[in-house]
C-alpha atoms as a PDB file:
ATOM      1  CA  UNK A   1      88.322 106.310 104.331  1.00  0.00           C
ATOM      2  CA  UNK A   2      87.655 104.219 101.208  1.00  0.00           C
ATOM      3  CA  UNK A   3      90.673 102.985  99.301  1.00  0.00           C
ATOM      4  CA  UNK A   4      88.907 101.378  96.387  1.00  0.00           C
ATOM      5  CA  UNK A   5      85.531 100.269  95.164  1.00  0.00           C
ATOM      6  CA  UNK A   6      84.442  97.929  92.390  1.00  0.00           C
ATOM      7  CA  UNK A   7      81.574  97.828  89.977  1.00  0.00           C
ATOM      8  CA  UNK A   8      80.556  96.140  86.834  1.00  0.00           C
ATOM      9  CA  UNK A   9      79.907  97.543  83.334  1.00  0.00           C
ATOM     10  CA  UNK A  10      79.009  96.393  79.809  1.00  0.00           C
ATOM     11  CA  UNK A  11      82.231  98.147  78.543  1.00  0.00           C
ATOM     12  CA  UNK A  12      84.705  97.969  81.399  1.00  0.00           C
ATOM     13  CA  UNK A  13      87.624  99.641  79.537  1.00  0.00           C
ATOM     14  CA  UNK A  14      85.496 102.583  78.425  1.00  0.00           C
ATOM     15  CA  UNK A  15      83.992 103.030  81.828  1.00  0.00           C
ATOM     16  CA  UNK A  16      87.399 102.907  83.575  1.00  0.00           C
ATOM     17  CA  UNK A  17      88.801 105.388  81.055  1.00  0.00           C
ATOM     18  CA  UNK A  18      86.065 107.866  81.830  1.00  0.00           C
ATOM     19  CA  UNK A  19      86.310 107.354  85.584  1.00  0.00           C
ATOM     20  CA  UNK A  20      90.094 107.879  85.412  1.00  0.00           C
ATOM     21  CA  UNK A  21      89.538 111.137  83.423  1.00  0.00           C
ATOM     22  CA  UNK A  22      87.117 112.317  86.082  1.00  0.00           C
ATOM     23  CA  UNK A  23      89.656 111.418  88.863  1.00  0.00           C
ATOM     24  CA  UNK A  24      92.457 113.090  86.994  1.00  0.00           C
ATOM     25  CA  UNK A  25      94.212 109.723  86.702  1.00  0.00           C
ATOM     26  CA  UNK A  26      94.728 106.913  84.254  1.00  0.00           C
ATOM     27  CA  UNK A  27      93.073 103.589  83.341  1.00  0.00           C
ATOM     28  CA  UNK A  28      94.897 100.226  83.023  1.00  0.00           C
ATOM     29  CA  UNK A  29      93.966  96.575  82.571  1.00  0.00           C
ATOM     30  CA  UNK A  30      93.025  94.702  85.769  1.00  0.00           C
ATOM     31  CA  UNK A  31      93.175  91.016  84.960  1.00  0.00           C
ATOM     32  CA  UNK A  32      93.591  89.480  88.515  1.00  0.00           C
ATOM     33  CA  UNK A  33      89.977  89.097  89.337  1.00  0.00           C
ATOM     34  CA  UNK A  34      88.143  88.736  86.087  1.00  0.00           C
ATOM     35  CA  UNK A  35      89.211  88.596  82.478  1.00  0.00           C
ATOM     36  CA  UNK A  36      88.369  91.906  80.724  1.00  0.00           C
ATOM     37  CA  UNK A  37      88.465  93.888  83.854  1.00  0.00           C
ATOM     38  CA  UNK A  38      89.939  97.531  83.995  1.00  0.00           C
ATOM     39  CA  UNK A  39      90.923  99.841  86.862  1.00  0.00           C
ATOM     40  CA  UNK A  40      90.771 103.626  87.130  1.00  0.00           C
ATOM     41  CA  UNK A  41      93.717 105.043  89.137  1.00  0.00           C
ATOM     42  CA  UNK A  42      93.176 108.384  90.720  1.00  0.00           C
ATOM     43  CA  UNK A  43      96.920 108.897  91.137  1.00  0.00           C
ATOM     44  CA  UNK A  44      96.315 110.563  94.495  1.00  0.00           C
ATOM     45  CA  UNK A  45      98.197 110.203  97.793  1.00  0.00           C
ATOM     46  CA  UNK A  46      95.738 107.415  98.868  1.00  0.00           C
ATOM     47  CA  UNK A  47      96.140 105.414  95.609  1.00  0.00           C
ATOM     48  CA  UNK A  48      92.407 105.512  95.172  1.00  0.00           C
ATOM     49  CA  UNK A  49      91.129 102.978  92.661  1.00  0.00           C
ATOM     50  CA  UNK A  50      87.771 102.101  90.943  1.00  0.00           C
ATOM     51  CA  UNK A  51      87.868  98.468  89.654  1.00  0.00           C
ATOM     52  CA  UNK A  52      85.481  97.822  86.755  1.00  0.00           C
ATOM     53  CA  UNK A  53      84.511  94.183  85.986  1.00  0.00           C
ATOM     54  CA  UNK A  54      82.589  92.823  83.047  1.00  0.00           C
ATOM     55  CA  UNK A  55      78.857  93.030  83.628  1.00  0.00           C
ATOM     56  CA  UNK A  56      77.640  89.888  85.376  1.00  0.00           C
ATOM     57  CA  UNK A  57      80.835  89.206  87.255  1.00  0.00           C
ATOM     58  CA  UNK A  58      80.204  88.009  90.786  1.00  0.00           C
ATOM     59  CA  UNK A  59      82.568  87.855  93.719  1.00  0.00           C
ATOM     60  CA  UNK A  60      82.429  84.760  95.748  1.00  0.00           C
ATOM     61  CA  UNK A  61      84.279  83.620  98.807  1.00  0.00           C
ATOM     62  CA  UNK A  62      87.205  81.119  98.090  1.00  0.00           C
ATOM     63  CA  UNK A  63      87.705  78.154 100.264  1.00  0.00           C
ATOM     64  CA  UNK A  64      90.428  78.224 102.872  1.00  0.00           C
ATOM     65  CA  UNK A  65      92.831  81.196 102.927  1.00  0.00           C
ATOM     66  CA  UNK A  66      92.440  81.977  99.152  1.00  0.00           C
ATOM     67  CA  UNK A  67      91.408  85.377  97.790  1.00  0.00           C
ATOM     68  CA  UNK A  68      87.912  85.953  96.715  1.00  0.00           C
ATOM     69  CA  UNK A  69      87.093  84.725  93.151  1.00  0.00           C
ATOM     70  CA  UNK A  70      85.552  86.658  90.258  1.00  0.00           C
ATOM     71  CA  UNK A  71      83.208  84.402  88.226  1.00  0.00           C
ATOM     72  CA  UNK A  72      80.611  84.936  85.603  1.00  0.00           C
ATOM     73  CA  UNK A  73      76.951  84.160  86.281  1.00  0.00           C
ATOM     74  CA  UNK A  74      73.743  85.323  87.769  1.00  0.00           C
ATOM     75  CA  UNK A  75      73.644  83.567  91.216  1.00  0.00           C
ATOM     76  CA  UNK A  76      72.625  86.631  93.216  1.00  0.00           C
ATOM     77  CA  UNK A  77      76.213  87.745  94.006  1.00  0.00           C
ATOM     78  CA  UNK A  78      77.821  91.042  92.907  1.00  0.00           C
ATOM     79  CA  UNK A  79      80.998  92.464  91.561  1.00  0.00           C
ATOM     80  CA  UNK A  80      80.666  95.424  93.965  1.00  0.00           C
ATOM     81  CA  UNK A  81      83.027  95.620  96.910  1.00  0.00           C
ATOM     82  CA  UNK A  82      85.190  98.228  98.613  1.00  0.00           C
ATOM     83  CA  UNK A  83      88.303  98.346 100.750  1.00  0.00           C
ATOM     84  CA  UNK A  84      87.917 100.482 103.923  1.00  0.00           C
ATOM     85  CA  UNK A  85      90.179 101.680 106.748  1.00  0.00           C
ATOM     86  CA  UNK A  86      89.525 100.871 110.397  1.00  0.00           C
ATOM     87  CA  UNK A  87      91.299 101.929 113.545  1.00  0.00           C
ATOM     88  CA  UNK A  88      90.315  98.491 115.124  1.00  0.00           C
ATOM     89  CA  UNK A  89      92.742  95.605 115.351  1.00  0.00           C
ATOM     90  CA  UNK A  90      92.238  92.285 113.668  1.00  0.00           C
ATOM     91  CA  UNK A  91      90.810  90.607 116.839  1.00  0.00           C
ATOM     92  CA  UNK A  92      88.112  93.342 117.188  1.00  0.00           C
ATOM     93  CA  UNK A  93      87.116  92.983 113.481  1.00  0.00           C
ATOM     94  CA  UNK A  94      86.879  89.236 113.834  1.00  0.00           C
ATOM     95  CA  UNK A  95      84.747  89.543 116.947  1.00  0.00           C
ATOM     96  CA  UNK A  96      82.344  91.819 115.137  1.00  0.00           C
ATOM     97  CA  UNK A  97      82.080  89.400 112.241  1.00  0.00           C
ATOM     98  CA  UNK A  98      81.448  86.481 114.641  1.00  0.00           C
ATOM     99  CA  UNK A  99      78.793  88.433 116.427  1.00  0.00           C
ATOM    100  CA  UNK A 100      76.996  89.116 113.092  1.00  0.00           C
ATOM    101  CA  UNK A 101      77.500  85.549 111.889  1.00  0.00           C
ATOM    102  CA  UNK A 102      79.430  86.831 108.894  1.00  0.00           C
ATOM    103  CA  UNK A 103      82.290  84.959 107.342  1.00  0.00           C
ATOM    104  CA  UNK A 104      85.657  86.735 107.777  1.00  0.00           C
ATOM    105  CA  UNK A 105      89.242  85.752 107.125  1.00  0.00           C
ATOM    106  CA  UNK A 106      92.623  87.233 106.798  1.00  0.00           C
ATOM    107  CA  UNK A 107      94.125  87.268 103.249  1.00  0.00           C
ATOM    108  CA  UNK A 108      97.547  88.551 102.047  1.00  0.00           C
ATOM    109  CA  UNK A 109      96.804  89.841  98.601  1.00  0.00           C
ATOM    110  CA  UNK A 110      99.611  88.376  96.538  1.00  0.00           C
ATOM    111  CA  UNK A 111     102.032  88.886  99.362  1.00  0.00           C
ATOM    112  CA  UNK A 112     101.796  92.624  98.952  1.00  0.00           C
ATOM    113  CA  UNK A 113      99.236  93.742 101.485  1.00  0.00           C
ATOM    114  CA  UNK A 114      96.894  92.167 104.080  1.00  0.00           C
ATOM    115  CA  UNK A 115      93.127  92.502 104.234  1.00  0.00           C
ATOM    116  CA  UNK A 116      90.370  91.025 106.290  1.00  0.00           C
ATOM    117  CA  UNK A 117      87.679  89.794 103.888  1.00  0.00           C
ATOM    118  CA  UNK A 118      84.448  90.484 105.709  1.00  0.00           C
ATOM    119  CA  UNK A 119      81.468  88.932 103.949  1.00  0.00           C
ATOM    120  CA  UNK A 120      78.483  91.045 104.900  1.00  0.00           C
ATOM    121  CA  UNK A 121      75.372  88.899 105.196  1.00  0.00           C
ATOM    122  CA  UNK A 122      77.477  86.065 103.752  1.00  0.00           C
ATOM    123  CA  UNK A 123      77.399  87.377 100.078  1.00  0.00           C
ATOM    124  CA  UNK A 124      78.876  90.881  99.752  1.00  0.00           C
ATOM    125  CA  UNK A 125      82.516  91.395 100.498  1.00  0.00           C
ATOM    126  CA  UNK A 126      84.258  94.352 102.168  1.00  0.00           C
ATOM    127  CA  UNK A 127      88.021  94.462 102.532  1.00  0.00           C
ATOM    128  CA  UNK A 128      88.765  95.791 106.101  1.00  0.00           C
ATOM    129  CA  UNK A 129      92.271  97.177 106.594  1.00  0.00           C
ATOM    130  CA  UNK A 130      93.723  97.750 110.025  1.00  0.00           C
ATOM    131  CA  UNK A 131      96.310 100.460 110.509  1.00  0.00           C
ATOM    132  CA  UNK A 132      99.177  98.044 109.674  1.00  0.00           C
ATOM    133  CA  UNK A 133      97.339  96.760 106.574  1.00  0.00           C
ATOM    134  CA  UNK A 134      96.732 100.398 105.434  1.00  0.00           C
ATOM    135  CA  UNK A 135     100.415 101.031 105.469  1.00  0.00           C
ATOM    136  CA  UNK A 136     101.012  97.882 103.381  1.00  0.00           C
ATOM    137  CA  UNK A 137      98.257  98.891 100.950  1.00  0.00           C
ATOM    138  CA  UNK A 138      99.553 102.469 100.504  1.00  0.00           C
ATOM    139  CA  UNK A 139     103.026 101.264  99.765  1.00  0.00           C
ATOM    140  CA  UNK A 140     101.936  98.495  97.411  1.00  0.00           C
ATOM    141  CA  UNK A 141      99.097  99.877  95.321  1.00  0.00           C
ATOM    142  CA  UNK A 142     100.524 102.678  93.365  1.00  0.00           C
ATOM    143  CA  UNK A 143     100.191 103.333  89.676  1.00  0.00           C
ATOM    144  CA  UNK A 144     103.966 102.798  89.022  1.00  0.00           C
ATOM    145  CA  UNK A 145     103.838  99.461  90.890  1.00  0.00           C
ATOM    146  CA  UNK A 146     100.746  98.437  88.988  1.00  0.00           C
ATOM    147  CA  UNK A 147     102.417  99.323  85.568  1.00  0.00           C
ATOM    148  CA  UNK A 148     105.487  97.243  86.659  1.00  0.00           C
ATOM    149  CA  UNK A 149     103.235  94.306  87.557  1.00  0.00           C
ATOM    150  CA  UNK A 150     101.419  94.500  84.222  1.00  0.00           C
ATOM    151  CA  UNK A 151     104.799  94.437  82.419  1.00  0.00           C
ATOM    152  CA  UNK A 152     105.836  91.349  84.466  1.00  0.00           C
ATOM    153  CA  UNK A 153     102.593  89.346  83.674  1.00  0.00           C
ATOM    154  CA  UNK A 154      99.897  87.553  85.384  1.00  0.00           C
ATOM    155  CA  UNK A 155     101.712  86.397  88.454  1.00  0.00           C
ATOM    156  CA  UNK A 156     102.737  89.918  89.368  1.00  0.00           C
ATOM    157  CA  UNK A 157      99.251  91.202  88.677  1.00  0.00           C
ATOM    158  CA  UNK A 158      97.804  88.751  91.234  1.00  0.00           C
ATOM    159  CA  UNK A 159     100.180  90.267  93.792  1.00  0.00           C
ATOM    160  CA  UNK A 160      98.534  93.661  93.379  1.00  0.00           C
ATOM    161  CA  UNK A 161      94.933  92.507  93.515  1.00  0.00           C
END
């Protein structure tokens, strides 16, 4: 199951609004990763999202335990990523990453939900969610929670990213 996916666009707001319309949901700003980003909420039972970053945004691994960064540029990176469910435990995910030689680390997104950032081939990120992380995600990433975070400002928005 895929929880969310990201892409980039020349007009992130317009693209998110159209995607939200297609999903039967609503579009809102999405400032945690890159300024000018928007997100299309499906409003379904899985809290499905499509994150839309400004064209040229690249995701890069942050040092230490920090969440990945969204930066402008043309360094061969990409804004595209997705969050996926797995039935495996964290140890198994880390063993697979080690076997492939891919960076991986546990991150707690703003204290709201955990993910394992798995950097495929070292430059494309997939957020892998174990069963426990999936439960945290489903409880945290709802349209009402996102609207409340937007009303509270940047710190609360980071908690939802």
